[in-house]
Amino acid sequence: MKLATLRNGTRDGRLVVVSRDLARALPVPAIAPTLQAALDDWSRHAPQLQEVARALEQGTVEGEIAFEPSQALAPLPRAHHWVDGSAYVNHVELVRKARNAEMPRAFWTDPLVYQGGADDFIPPTGDVAVPSEDFGIDLEAEIAVITDDVPMQTPAADAGKHIQLLLLANDWSLRNLIPGELAKGFGFYQSKPATAFSPCAITPDELGDAWRDHRVHLPLVSHINDRLFGRPDAGVDMTFDFAQLIAHVTRTRRLGAGAVIGSGTVSNYDRSRGSSCLAETRALEQIAQGKAVTPFLRFGDRVRIEMFDAAGRSLFGAIDQRVVQAG
C-alpha cells in the first residue's frame, strides 16, 4: 500500500491512497482525513486503507484522481517526533578519518542519533531555501520508517512489528555550520534545516523480498543536476537495522504514533557505488589527495533521490528539489 498527502490549503493536507504505478490516487476522508489520523488508530484504519489500495489495483474507482507529485506534501507534513540516526557507521568512520579524528569503538555498538525539527517538513518537489552558499549545502539521501505507538524499553526483537511505513528522506545539512555547533557540545540545530521526504510512504510488503532483517535491500539512487551521484545499496553495511534503532531511542521514552526514524546517510564500503552526500565524496578526496575538491551545492542545483524495485519501477516517487536562496 502506498499513501500520500496532497495539498488542500491546510497544514496537514489530505490523505490519499496511491496506485502502485504512482499514476492514480483516491482521497479517503471517510477513513481518515490525514495520515496522522490514520496512524493514531492504525490497527483499525490500516485494513480499511488496504481495501482501497486493492480496489485501485483492480481498476477504476469512483472518485479517483490523477496523482501529481507536485501537489504532494511530505507524507507527514509535520510530525510529533523526528529522530535521525547514523546507522551506516562506515560513513562516520570515513568522515572522521578525513579530519584525522579517532573513531570511538562504542560507535560500532551504540547507535548515534539526534532529534531533529519535525514541525515543518519540505514537500518532495519543493524548493529548498538556504540563506547562503557559504553554509556548505549538502544532501543526505536516507531511508526512514514511521512507527505506531512504541512502548518505552522495547527490545529490538519486538521493535520490528512497530514499523508501519517506510519512506525516503533528504536530511539536508549545512556542513560549514556543523563544526561550530558540535564544538559547543550541545548538538545540531542551525546546521540541520528542514528535512524533505518522498511523495509516498509505503507499507513494508510493497518491498517484497527486498525488506528483510528490518533493512531495505535496494539501491538508493541520487542525481545532482541530472548526473548520477550515487546508488549505494541500503541493505549493505547498515550497522544498526531499524529495529535496533527503535530499541535505542525507546530506552528512556516511548514513541507516539507517527514517529519518524531515519537511517542516516546510506553508505557502502564499495566506493564504486558512489555516495549519498557530498561530505563523503569530499572525505574520500581528502584522504586520497590531501584536499577536497568537489564543491558543495550552489543555488540553482537540483537534487533527485529515488528507489526502484527489481523491475525498475519507482517505489516511493522521487524527491526532486532545487536549492534556492532564502529571502
C-alpha atoms as a PDB file:
ATOM      1  CA  MET A   1       0.000   0.000   0.000  1.00  0.00           C
ATOM      2  CA  LYS A   2       1.213   3.482  -0.916  1.00  0.00           C
ATOM      3  CA  LEU A   3      -0.024   6.570   0.916  1.00  0.00           C
ATOM      4  CA  ALA A   4       0.499  10.251   0.208  1.00  0.00           C
ATOM      5  CA  THR A   5      -0.678  13.641   1.418  1.00  0.00           C
ATOM      6  CA  LEU A   6      -1.971  16.190  -1.072  1.00  0.00           C
ATOM      7  CA  ARG A   7      -2.274  19.943  -0.659  1.00  0.00           C
ATOM      8  CA  ASN A   8      -5.688  21.214   0.402  1.00  0.00           C
ATOM      9  CA  GLY A   9      -4.848  24.567   1.985  1.00  0.00           C
ATOM     10  CA  THR A  10      -4.296  23.153   5.478  1.00  0.00           C
ATOM     11  CA  ARG A  11      -1.082  22.379   7.340  1.00  0.00           C
ATOM     12  CA  ASP A  12      -1.676  18.617   7.303  1.00  0.00           C
ATOM     13  CA  GLY A  13      -3.170  18.155   3.843  1.00  0.00           C
ATOM     14  CA  ARG A  14      -5.494  15.310   2.867  1.00  0.00           C
ATOM     15  CA  LEU A  15      -4.629  11.631   2.890  1.00  0.00           C
ATOM     16  CA  VAL A  16      -4.833   9.644  -0.354  1.00  0.00           C
ATOM     17  CA  VAL A  17      -4.151   6.045  -1.298  1.00  0.00           C
ATOM     18  CA  VAL A  18      -1.903   5.839  -4.372  1.00  0.00           C
ATOM     19  CA  SER A  19      -1.803   3.131  -7.031  1.00  0.00           C
ATOM     20  CA  ARG A  20       1.349   1.030  -7.380  1.00  0.00           C
ATOM     21  CA  ASP A  21       2.256   2.729 -10.661  1.00  0.00           C
ATOM     22  CA  LEU A  22       2.022   6.136  -8.941  1.00  0.00           C
ATOM     23  CA  ALA A  23      -0.496   7.266 -11.566  1.00  0.00           C
ATOM     24  CA  ARG A  24      -3.779   7.414  -9.626  1.00  0.00           C
ATOM     25  CA  ALA A  25      -4.944   8.318  -6.135  1.00  0.00           C
ATOM     26  CA  LEU A  26      -8.100   8.209  -4.083  1.00  0.00           C
ATOM     27  CA  PRO A  27      -8.909  10.531  -1.164  1.00  0.00           C
ATOM     28  CA  VAL A  28     -10.225   8.619   1.858  1.00  0.00           C
ATOM     29  CA  PRO A  29     -11.924  11.174   4.164  1.00  0.00           C
ATOM     30  CA  ALA A  30     -14.399   8.564   5.396  1.00  0.00           C
ATOM     31  CA  ILE A  31     -11.474   6.504   6.771  1.00  0.00           C
ATOM     32  CA  ALA A  32      -9.033   9.201   7.884  1.00  0.00           C
ATOM     33  CA  PRO A  33      -8.606  12.822   6.786  1.00  0.00           C
ATOM     34  CA  THR A  34      -4.830  12.831   7.355  1.00  0.00           C
ATOM     35  CA  LEU A  35      -2.008  10.318   7.670  1.00  0.00           C
ATOM     36  CA  GLN A  36      -1.539  11.223  11.336  1.00  0.00           C
ATOM     37  CA  ALA A  37      -5.211  10.461  11.977  1.00  0.00           C
ATOM     38  CA  ALA A  38      -4.778   7.076  10.306  1.00  0.00           C
ATOM     39  CA  LEU A  39      -1.688   6.313  12.397  1.00  0.00           C
ATOM     40  CA  ASP A  40      -3.438   7.315  15.619  1.00  0.00           C
ATOM     41  CA  ASP A  41      -5.721   4.279  15.173  1.00  0.00           C
ATOM     42  CA  TRP A  42      -3.612   2.240  12.766  1.00  0.00           C
ATOM     43  CA  SER A  43      -4.886  -1.212  13.724  1.00  0.00           C
ATOM     44  CA  ARG A  44      -8.386  -0.145  12.651  1.00  0.00           C
ATOM     45  CA  HIS A  45      -7.557   2.086   9.713  1.00  0.00           C
ATOM     46  CA  ALA A  46      -4.808   0.043   8.020  1.00  0.00           C
ATOM     47  CA  PRO A  47      -7.129  -2.785   6.870  1.00  0.00           C
ATOM     48  CA  GLN A  48      -9.599  -0.227   5.534  1.00  0.00           C
ATOM     49  CA  LEU A  49      -6.868   1.554   3.601  1.00  0.00           C
ATOM     50  CA  GLN A  50      -5.579  -1.771   2.270  1.00  0.00           C
ATOM     51  CA  GLU A  51      -9.042  -2.479   0.857  1.00  0.00           C
ATOM     52  CA  VAL A  52      -8.937   0.830  -1.001  1.00  0.00           C
ATOM     53  CA  ALA A  53      -5.467   0.012  -2.312  1.00  0.00           C
ATOM     54  CA  ARG A  54      -6.683  -3.347  -3.638  1.00  0.00           C
ATOM     55  CA  ALA A  55      -9.641  -1.669  -5.340  1.00  0.00           C
ATOM     56  CA  LEU A  56      -7.315   0.822  -7.037  1.00  0.00           C
ATOM     57  CA  GLU A  57      -5.222  -2.013  -8.438  1.00  0.00           C
ATOM     58  CA  GLN A  58      -8.273  -3.859  -9.740  1.00  0.00           C
ATOM     59  CA  GLY A  59      -9.445  -0.954 -11.866  1.00  0.00           C
ATOM     60  CA  THR A  60     -11.033   2.451 -11.943  1.00  0.00           C
ATOM     61  CA  VAL A  61     -12.541   3.546  -8.633  1.00  0.00           C
ATOM     62  CA  GLU A  62     -15.188   6.226  -8.332  1.00  0.00           C
ATOM     63  CA  GLY A  63     -13.660   9.470  -7.115  1.00  0.00           C
ATOM     64  CA  GLU A  64     -10.074   8.635  -8.097  1.00  0.00           C
ATOM     65  CA  ILE A  65      -7.812  11.421  -9.339  1.00  0.00           C
ATOM     66  CA  ALA A  66      -4.506  11.611 -11.163  1.00  0.00           C
ATOM     67  CA  PHE A  67      -1.608  11.512  -8.729  1.00  0.00           C
ATOM     68  CA  GLU A  68       0.614  14.563  -9.204  1.00  0.00           C
ATOM     69  CA  PRO A  69       3.784  14.562  -7.055  1.00  0.00           C
ATOM     70  CA  SER A  70       3.977  18.336  -7.489  1.00  0.00           C
ATOM     71  CA  GLN A  71       0.780  18.553  -5.417  1.00  0.00           C
ATOM     72  CA  ALA A  72       2.138  16.338  -2.644  1.00  0.00           C
ATOM     73  CA  LEU A  73       3.319  17.469   0.746  1.00  0.00           C
ATOM     74  CA  ALA A  74       5.586  15.222   2.780  1.00  0.00           C
ATOM     75  CA  PRO A  75       3.519  12.134   3.728  1.00  0.00           C
ATOM     76  CA  LEU A  76       3.543  13.568   7.245  1.00  0.00           C
ATOM     77  CA  PRO A  77       3.800  17.328   6.594  1.00  0.00           C
ATOM     78  CA  ARG A  78       4.686  17.714  10.267  1.00  0.00           C
ATOM     79  CA  ALA A  79       5.292  15.025  12.844  1.00  0.00           C
ATOM     80  CA  HIS A  80       5.279  14.771  16.609  1.00  0.00           C
ATOM     81  CA  HIS A  81       8.752  13.240  16.562  1.00  0.00           C
ATOM     82  CA  TRP A  82      11.642  13.033  14.069  1.00  0.00           C
ATOM     83  CA  VAL A  83      14.850  11.308  15.082  1.00  0.00           C
ATOM     84  CA  ASP A  84      17.683  10.630  12.672  1.00  0.00           C
ATOM     85  CA  GLY A  85      20.357   8.017  13.153  1.00  0.00           C
ATOM     86  CA  SER A  86      23.750   7.293  11.650  1.00  0.00           C
ATOM     87  CA  ALA A  87      23.302   3.582  11.054  1.00  0.00           C
ATOM     88  CA  TYR A  88      25.978   3.289   8.334  1.00  0.00           C
ATOM     89  CA  VAL A  89      28.949   3.548  10.644  1.00  0.00           C
ATOM     90  CA  ASN A  90      31.457   3.138   7.814  1.00  0.00           C
ATOM     91  CA  HIS A  91      30.315   6.596   6.694  1.00  0.00           C
ATOM     92  CA  VAL A  92      31.048   8.043  10.144  1.00  0.00           C
ATOM     93  CA  GLU A  93      34.425   6.303  10.181  1.00  0.00           C
ATOM     94  CA  LEU A  94      35.350   7.715   6.772  1.00  0.00           C
ATOM     95  CA  VAL A  95      34.382  11.307   7.575  1.00  0.00           C
ATOM     96  CA  ARG A  96      36.315  11.187  10.854  1.00  0.00           C
ATOM     97  CA  LYS A  97      39.345   9.667   9.150  1.00  0.00           C
ATOM     98  CA  ALA A  98      39.408  12.549   6.676  1.00  0.00           C
ATOM     99  CA  ARG A  99      39.873  15.012   9.521  1.00  0.00           C
ATOM    100  CA  ASN A 100      42.265  12.747  11.469  1.00  0.00           C
ATOM    101  CA  ALA A 101      39.758  12.196  14.275  1.00  0.00           C
ATOM    102  CA  GLU A 102      39.838   8.958  16.214  1.00  0.00           C
ATOM    103  CA  MET A 103      36.824   6.663  15.845  1.00  0.00           C
ATOM    104  CA  PRO A 104      35.422   5.701  19.270  1.00  0.00           C
ATOM    105  CA  ARG A 105      34.907   1.935  19.477  1.00  0.00           C
ATOM    106  CA  ALA A 106      31.483   2.495  21.048  1.00  0.00           C
ATOM    107  CA  PHE A 107      30.198   3.835  17.718  1.00  0.00           C
ATOM    108  CA  TRP A 108      30.056   0.228  16.474  1.00  0.00           C
ATOM    109  CA  THR A 109      27.835  -0.919  19.343  1.00  0.00           C
ATOM    110  CA  ASP A 110      25.856   2.146  20.452  1.00  0.00           C
ATOM    111  CA  PRO A 111      23.877   3.975  17.735  1.00  0.00           C
ATOM    112  CA  LEU A 112      24.311   7.677  17.054  1.00  0.00           C
ATOM    113  CA  VAL A 113      21.027   9.626  16.824  1.00  0.00           C
ATOM    114  CA  TYR A 114      19.847  13.203  17.064  1.00  0.00           C
ATOM    115  CA  GLN A 115      16.362  14.687  17.418  1.00  0.00           C
ATOM    116  CA  GLY A 116      15.559  16.958  14.500  1.00  0.00           C
ATOM    117  CA  GLY A 117      12.934  19.591  13.798  1.00  0.00           C
ATOM    118  CA  ALA A 118       9.613  17.944  12.918  1.00  0.00           C
ATOM    119  CA  ASP A 119       7.258  20.913  12.651  1.00  0.00           C
ATOM    120  CA  ASP A 120       7.901  21.780   9.008  1.00  0.00           C
ATOM    121  CA  PHE A 121       8.969  19.046   6.593  1.00  0.00           C
ATOM    122  CA  ILE A 122       9.709  20.084   2.999  1.00  0.00           C
ATOM    123  CA  PRO A 123       7.430  18.784   0.199  1.00  0.00           C
ATOM    124  CA  PRO A 124       9.142  16.301  -2.146  1.00  0.00           C
ATOM    125  CA  THR A 125       9.247  18.741  -5.065  1.00  0.00           C
ATOM    126  CA  GLY A 126       9.509  21.939  -3.023  1.00  0.00           C
ATOM    127  CA  ASP A 127      12.422  24.338  -3.348  1.00  0.00           C
ATOM    128  CA  VAL A 128      14.990  24.191  -0.566  1.00  0.00           C
ATOM    129  CA  ALA A 129      15.708  27.726   0.644  1.00  0.00           C
ATOM    130  CA  VAL A 130      19.102  28.416   2.244  1.00  0.00           C
ATOM    131  CA  PRO A 131      20.382  31.855   3.336  1.00  0.00           C
ATOM    132  CA  SER A 132      23.930  31.450   1.978  1.00  0.00           C
ATOM    133  CA  GLU A 133      26.027  29.148  -0.196  1.00  0.00           C
ATOM    134  CA  ASP A 134      28.826  29.691   2.313  1.00  0.00           C
ATOM    135  CA  PHE A 135      26.986  27.416   4.747  1.00  0.00           C
ATOM    136  CA  GLY A 136      28.121  24.333   2.808  1.00  0.00           C
ATOM    137  CA  ILE A 137      24.855  22.967   1.376  1.00  0.00           C
ATOM    138  CA  ASP A 138      24.726  19.181   1.212  1.00  0.00           C
ATOM    139  CA  LEU A 139      22.214  16.442   0.507  1.00  0.00           C
ATOM    140  CA  GLU A 140      21.860  13.344   2.668  1.00  0.00           C
ATOM    141  CA  ALA A 141      19.920  10.531   0.987  1.00  0.00           C
ATOM    142  CA  GLU A 142      18.337   8.209   3.548  1.00  0.00           C
ATOM    143  CA  ILE A 143      15.640   5.653   4.299  1.00  0.00           C
ATOM    144  CA  ALA A 144      13.161   6.350   7.107  1.00  0.00           C
ATOM    145  CA  VAL A 145      10.401   4.465   8.882  1.00  0.00           C
ATOM    146  CA  ILE A 146       7.187   5.582  10.559  1.00  0.00           C
ATOM    147  CA  THR A 147       6.026   3.765  13.675  1.00  0.00           C
ATOM    148  CA  ASP A 148       2.835   3.244  15.575  1.00  0.00           C
ATOM    149  CA  ASP A 149       2.871   3.653  19.370  1.00  0.00           C
ATOM    150  CA  VAL A 150       6.056   2.088  20.740  1.00  0.00           C
ATOM    151  CA  PRO A 151       6.431   1.391  24.497  1.00  0.00           C
ATOM    152  CA  MET A 152       9.467   2.511  26.444  1.00  0.00           C
ATOM    153  CA  GLN A 153      12.305  -0.038  26.543  1.00  0.00           C
ATOM    154  CA  THR A 154      11.038  -2.009  23.562  1.00  0.00           C
ATOM    155  CA  PRO A 155      13.704  -4.628  22.734  1.00  0.00           C
ATOM    156  CA  ALA A 156      14.990  -4.977  19.188  1.00  0.00           C
ATOM    157  CA  ALA A 157      13.361  -8.415  18.964  1.00  0.00           C
ATOM    158  CA  ASP A 158       9.930  -6.755  19.327  1.00  0.00           C
ATOM    159  CA  ALA A 159      10.569  -3.428  17.631  1.00  0.00           C
ATOM    160  CA  GLY A 160      10.062  -4.545  14.040  1.00  0.00           C
ATOM    161  CA  LYS A 161       6.327  -5.027  14.470  1.00  0.00           C
ATOM    162  CA  HIS A 162       6.009  -1.309  15.189  1.00  0.00           C
ATOM    163  CA  ILE A 163       7.345  -0.317  11.737  1.00  0.00           C
ATOM    164  CA  GLN A 164       4.242   0.519   9.725  1.00  0.00           C
ATOM    165  CA  LEU A 165       5.510   2.634   6.829  1.00  0.00           C
ATOM    166  CA  LEU A 166       8.755   3.424   5.023  1.00  0.00           C
ATOM    167  CA  LEU A 167       9.764   6.490   3.023  1.00  0.00           C
ATOM    168  CA  LEU A 168      12.805   8.214   1.559  1.00  0.00           C
ATOM    169  CA  ALA A 169      14.400  11.256   3.141  1.00  0.00           C
ATOM    170  CA  ASN A 170      16.811  14.022   2.246  1.00  0.00           C
ATOM    171  CA  ASP A 171      18.165  15.210   5.585  1.00  0.00           C
ATOM    172  CA  TRP A 172      19.635  18.450   4.269  1.00  0.00           C
ATOM    173  CA  SER A 173      22.826  19.559   6.016  1.00  0.00           C
ATOM    174  CA  LEU A 174      24.790  22.808   6.198  1.00  0.00           C
ATOM    175  CA  ARG A 175      28.269  21.369   6.606  1.00  0.00           C
ATOM    176  CA  ASN A 176      30.173  24.547   7.346  1.00  0.00           C
ATOM    177  CA  LEU A 177      27.939  25.278  10.339  1.00  0.00           C
ATOM    178  CA  ILE A 178      28.345  21.818  11.891  1.00  0.00           C
ATOM    179  CA  PRO A 179      31.839  22.137  13.454  1.00  0.00           C
ATOM    180  CA  GLY A 180      30.954  25.270  15.407  1.00  0.00           C
ATOM    181  CA  GLU A 181      27.714  23.804  16.694  1.00  0.00           C
ATOM    182  CA  LEU A 182      29.238  20.482  17.725  1.00  0.00           C
ATOM    183  CA  ALA A 183      32.099  22.308  19.454  1.00  0.00           C
ATOM    184  CA  LYS A 184      29.519  23.750  21.851  1.00  0.00           C
ATOM    185  CA  GLY A 185      28.760  20.198  22.975  1.00  0.00           C
ATOM    186  CA  PHE A 186      25.016  20.546  22.545  1.00  0.00           C
ATOM    187  CA  GLY A 187      24.374  19.077  19.078  1.00  0.00           C
ATOM    188  CA  PHE A 188      22.891  20.159  15.747  1.00  0.00           C
ATOM    189  CA  TYR A 189      20.406  22.940  15.224  1.00  0.00           C
ATOM    190  CA  GLN A 190      21.205  25.665  12.657  1.00  0.00           C
ATOM    191  CA  SER A 191      23.247  23.172  10.653  1.00  0.00           C
ATOM    192  CA  LYS A 192      20.219  20.901  10.171  1.00  0.00           C
ATOM    193  CA  PRO A 193      17.445  22.742   8.305  1.00  0.00           C
ATOM    194  CA  ALA A 194      14.096  21.169   7.439  1.00  0.00           C
ATOM    195  CA  THR A 195      14.085  17.626   6.065  1.00  0.00           C
ATOM    196  CA  ALA A 196      12.431  16.522   2.820  1.00  0.00           C
ATOM    197  CA  PHE A 197      10.578  13.243   2.270  1.00  0.00           C
ATOM    198  CA  SER A 198       9.398  11.217  -0.717  1.00  0.00           C
ATOM    199  CA  PRO A 199       5.900  11.730  -2.154  1.00  0.00           C
ATOM    200  CA  CYS A 200       4.736   8.342  -0.871  1.00  0.00           C
ATOM    201  CA  ALA A 201       5.104   6.346   2.308  1.00  0.00           C
ATOM    202  CA  ILE A 202       4.704   2.624   1.691  1.00  0.00           C
ATOM    203  CA  THR A 203       3.947  -0.443   3.782  1.00  0.00           C
ATOM    204  CA  PRO A 204       6.838  -2.927   4.098  1.00  0.00           C
ATOM    205  CA  ASP A 205       5.048  -5.557   1.986  1.00  0.00           C
ATOM    206  CA  GLU A 206       5.411  -3.271  -1.057  1.00  0.00           C
ATOM    207  CA  LEU A 207       9.131  -4.111  -0.988  1.00  0.00           C
ATOM    208  CA  GLY A 208       8.647  -7.871  -1.180  1.00  0.00           C
ATOM    209  CA  ASP A 209      11.880  -9.786  -0.564  1.00  0.00           C
ATOM    210  CA  ALA A 210      13.825  -6.512  -0.502  1.00  0.00           C
ATOM    211  CA  TRP A 211      12.503  -5.896   3.030  1.00  0.00           C
ATOM    212  CA  ARG A 212      14.250  -8.315   5.358  1.00  0.00           C
ATOM    213  CA  ASP A 213      16.177  -8.102   8.609  1.00  0.00           C
ATOM    214  CA  HIS A 214      14.498  -4.689   9.083  1.00  0.00           C
ATOM    215  CA  ARG A 215      16.593  -3.304   6.228  1.00  0.00           C
ATOM    216  CA  VAL A 216      15.777  -2.250   2.652  1.00  0.00           C
ATOM    217  CA  HIS A 217      17.952  -4.276   0.283  1.00  0.00           C
ATOM    218  CA  LEU A 218      17.814  -1.998  -2.756  1.00  0.00           C
ATOM    219  CA  PRO A 219      19.999   0.800  -4.173  1.00  0.00           C
ATOM    220  CA  LEU A 220      19.161   4.358  -3.178  1.00  0.00           C
ATOM    221  CA  VAL A 221      19.753   6.427  -6.305  1.00  0.00           C
ATOM    222  CA  SER A 222      20.815  10.083  -6.153  1.00  0.00           C
ATOM    223  CA  HIS A 223      21.331  12.511  -9.031  1.00  0.00           C
ATOM    224  CA  ILE A 224      22.756  16.035  -8.890  1.00  0.00           C
ATOM    225  CA  ASN A 225      21.857  18.206 -11.873  1.00  0.00           C
ATOM    226  CA  ASP A 226      20.710  15.073 -13.760  1.00  0.00           C
ATOM    227  CA  ARG A 227      24.072  13.335 -13.306  1.00  0.00           C
ATOM    228  CA  LEU A 228      24.235  10.098 -11.338  1.00  0.00           C
ATOM    229  CA  PHE A 229      25.875  10.788  -7.984  1.00  0.00           C
ATOM    230  CA  GLY A 230      25.443   7.512  -6.123  1.00  0.00           C
ATOM    231  CA  ARG A 231      23.484   4.290  -5.832  1.00  0.00           C
ATOM    232  CA  PRO A 232      24.676   2.536  -2.666  1.00  0.00           C
ATOM    233  CA  ASP A 233      22.662  -0.475  -1.548  1.00  0.00           C
ATOM    234  CA  ALA A 234      20.693   0.472   1.566  1.00  0.00           C
ATOM    235  CA  GLY A 235      20.748  -3.113   2.854  1.00  0.00           C
ATOM    236  CA  VAL A 236      24.526  -3.431   2.764  1.00  0.00           C
ATOM    237  CA  ASP A 237      26.835  -2.117   5.518  1.00  0.00           C
ATOM    238  CA  MET A 238      23.923  -0.940   7.684  1.00  0.00           C
ATOM    239  CA  THR A 239      25.471  -1.498  11.109  1.00  0.00           C
ATOM    240  CA  PHE A 240      22.215  -0.918  13.013  1.00  0.00           C
ATOM    241  CA  ASP A 241      18.926  -2.019  11.458  1.00  0.00           C
ATOM    242  CA  PHE A 242      15.673  -0.139  12.073  1.00  0.00           C
ATOM    243  CA  ALA A 243      14.603  -2.469  14.882  1.00  0.00           C
ATOM    244  CA  GLN A 244      17.873  -1.739  16.686  1.00  0.00           C
ATOM    245  CA  LEU A 245      17.407   1.996  16.165  1.00  0.00           C
ATOM    246  CA  ILE A 246      13.897   1.824  17.638  1.00  0.00           C
ATOM    247  CA  ALA A 247      15.198  -0.129  20.622  1.00  0.00           C
ATOM    248  CA  HIS A 248      17.860   2.519  21.148  1.00  0.00           C
ATOM    249  CA  VAL A 249      15.552   5.540  21.010  1.00  0.00           C
ATOM    250  CA  THR A 250      12.967   3.931  23.307  1.00  0.00           C
ATOM    251  CA  ARG A 251      15.474   3.206  26.047  1.00  0.00           C
ATOM    252  CA  THR A 252      14.181   6.124  28.138  1.00  0.00           C
ATOM    253  CA  ARG A 253      10.998   7.235  26.354  1.00  0.00           C
ATOM    254  CA  ARG A 254       8.073   5.877  24.415  1.00  0.00           C
ATOM    255  CA  LEU A 255       7.306   6.835  20.836  1.00  0.00           C
ATOM    256  CA  GLY A 256       3.924   8.138  19.794  1.00  0.00           C
ATOM    257  CA  ALA A 257       2.181   7.012  16.625  1.00  0.00           C
ATOM    258  CA  GLY A 258       3.685   8.843  13.666  1.00  0.00           C
ATOM    259  CA  ALA A 259       7.246   8.978  14.971  1.00  0.00           C
ATOM    260  CA  VAL A 260       9.715   9.127  12.074  1.00  0.00           C
ATOM    261  CA  ILE A 261      13.140   7.464  12.381  1.00  0.00           C
ATOM    262  CA  GLY A 262      15.851   7.967   9.773  1.00  0.00           C
ATOM    263  CA  SER A 263      18.740   5.691   8.871  1.00  0.00           C
ATOM    264  CA  GLY A 264      21.323   8.384   8.328  1.00  0.00           C
ATOM    265  CA  THR A 265      23.307   8.715   5.110  1.00  0.00           C
ATOM    266  CA  VAL A 266      23.248   5.454   3.152  1.00  0.00           C
ATOM    267  CA  SER A 267      26.830   4.369   2.505  1.00  0.00           C
ATOM    268  CA  ASN A 268      28.736   1.319   1.250  1.00  0.00           C
ATOM    269  CA  TYR A 269      32.332   0.247   1.654  1.00  0.00           C
ATOM    270  CA  ASP A 270      32.230  -0.392  -2.101  1.00  0.00           C
ATOM    271  CA  ARG A 271      33.063   3.170  -3.164  1.00  0.00           C
ATOM    272  CA  SER A 272      32.314   2.357  -6.828  1.00  0.00           C
ATOM    273  CA  ARG A 273      28.630   2.674  -5.931  1.00  0.00           C
ATOM    274  CA  GLY A 274      29.052   6.374  -5.240  1.00  0.00           C
ATOM    275  CA  SER A 275      27.835   8.304  -2.230  1.00  0.00           C
ATOM    276  CA  SER A 276      24.661   9.728  -0.737  1.00  0.00           C
ATOM    277  CA  CYS A 277      26.184  13.015   0.409  1.00  0.00           C
ATOM    278  CA  LEU A 278      28.921  15.359  -0.783  1.00  0.00           C
ATOM    279  CA  ALA A 279      30.682  15.233   2.587  1.00  0.00           C
ATOM    280  CA  GLU A 280      31.563  11.591   1.913  1.00  0.00           C
ATOM    281  CA  THR A 281      32.892  12.389  -1.563  1.00  0.00           C
ATOM    282  CA  ARG A 282      34.972  15.197  -0.121  1.00  0.00           C
ATOM    283  CA  ALA A 283      36.272  12.934   2.653  1.00  0.00           C
ATOM    284  CA  LEU A 284      37.484  10.395   0.081  1.00  0.00           C
ATOM    285  CA  GLU A 285      39.227  13.190  -1.820  1.00  0.00           C
ATOM    286  CA  GLN A 286      40.837  14.474   1.370  1.00  0.00           C
ATOM    287  CA  ILE A 287      42.199  11.031   2.201  1.00  0.00           C
ATOM    288  CA  ALA A 288      43.438  10.295  -1.337  1.00  0.00           C
ATOM    289  CA  GLN A 289      44.673  13.728  -2.446  1.00  0.00           C
ATOM    290  CA  GLY A 290      45.174  15.702   0.743  1.00  0.00           C
ATOM    291  CA  LYS A 291      42.373  18.117  -0.153  1.00  0.00           C
ATOM    292  CA  ALA A 292      38.674  18.108  -1.019  1.00  0.00           C
ATOM    293  CA  VAL A 293      37.896  19.439  -4.489  1.00  0.00           C
ATOM    294  CA  THR A 294      34.202  18.663  -5.006  1.00  0.00           C
ATOM    295  CA  PRO A 295      32.170  21.762  -4.100  1.00  0.00           C
ATOM    296  CA  PHE A 296      29.043  21.778  -2.018  1.00  0.00           C
ATOM    297  CA  LEU A 297      25.738  22.643  -3.684  1.00  0.00           C
ATOM    298  CA  ARG A 298      25.049  26.053  -5.198  1.00  0.00           C
ATOM    299  CA  PHE A 299      21.856  27.972  -5.740  1.00  0.00           C
ATOM    300  CA  GLY A 300      20.065  26.521  -8.758  1.00  0.00           C
ATOM    301  CA  ASP A 301      21.436  22.997  -8.265  1.00  0.00           C
ATOM    302  CA  ARG A 302      18.886  20.195  -8.460  1.00  0.00           C
ATOM    303  CA  VAL A 303      18.882  17.013  -6.386  1.00  0.00           C
ATOM    304  CA  ARG A 304      16.819  13.909  -7.172  1.00  0.00           C
ATOM    305  CA  ILE A 305      16.577  10.884  -4.856  1.00  0.00           C
ATOM    306  CA  GLU A 306      14.628   7.756  -5.780  1.00  0.00           C
ATOM    307  CA  MET A 307      14.450   3.989  -5.242  1.00  0.00           C
ATOM    308  CA  PHE A 308      13.358   1.380  -7.778  1.00  0.00           C
ATOM    309  CA  ASP A 309      12.200  -2.207  -7.485  1.00  0.00           C
ATOM    310  CA  ALA A 310      13.773  -5.083  -9.421  1.00  0.00           C
ATOM    311  CA  ALA A 311      11.569  -4.282 -12.426  1.00  0.00           C
ATOM    312  CA  GLY A 312      12.713  -0.653 -12.496  1.00  0.00           C
ATOM    313  CA  ARG A 313       9.514   0.837 -11.073  1.00  0.00           C
ATOM    314  CA  SER A 314       9.727   3.777  -8.703  1.00  0.00           C
ATOM    315  CA  LEU A 315       8.640   2.675  -5.243  1.00  0.00           C
ATOM    316  CA  PHE A 316       8.207   5.939  -3.340  1.00  0.00           C
ATOM    317  CA  GLY A 317       8.220   8.521  -6.113  1.00  0.00           C
ATOM    318  CA  ALA A 318      11.126  10.953  -6.259  1.00  0.00           C
ATOM    319  CA  ILE A 319      12.405  13.677  -4.008  1.00  0.00           C
ATOM    320  CA  ASP A 320      13.195  16.195  -6.742  1.00  0.00           C
ATOM    321  CA  GLN A 321      14.258  19.606  -5.438  1.00  0.00           C
ATOM    322  CA  ARG A 322      16.107  22.756  -6.363  1.00  0.00           C
ATOM    323  CA  VAL A 323      18.315  24.743  -3.980  1.00  0.00           C
ATOM    324  CA  VAL A 324      17.376  28.441  -3.885  1.00  0.00           C
ATOM    325  CA  GLN A 325      18.432  31.484  -1.918  1.00  0.00           C
ATOM    326  CA  ALA A 326      16.203  32.265   1.024  1.00  0.00           C
ATOM    327  CA  GLY A 327      14.558  35.645   1.170  1.00  0.00           C
END
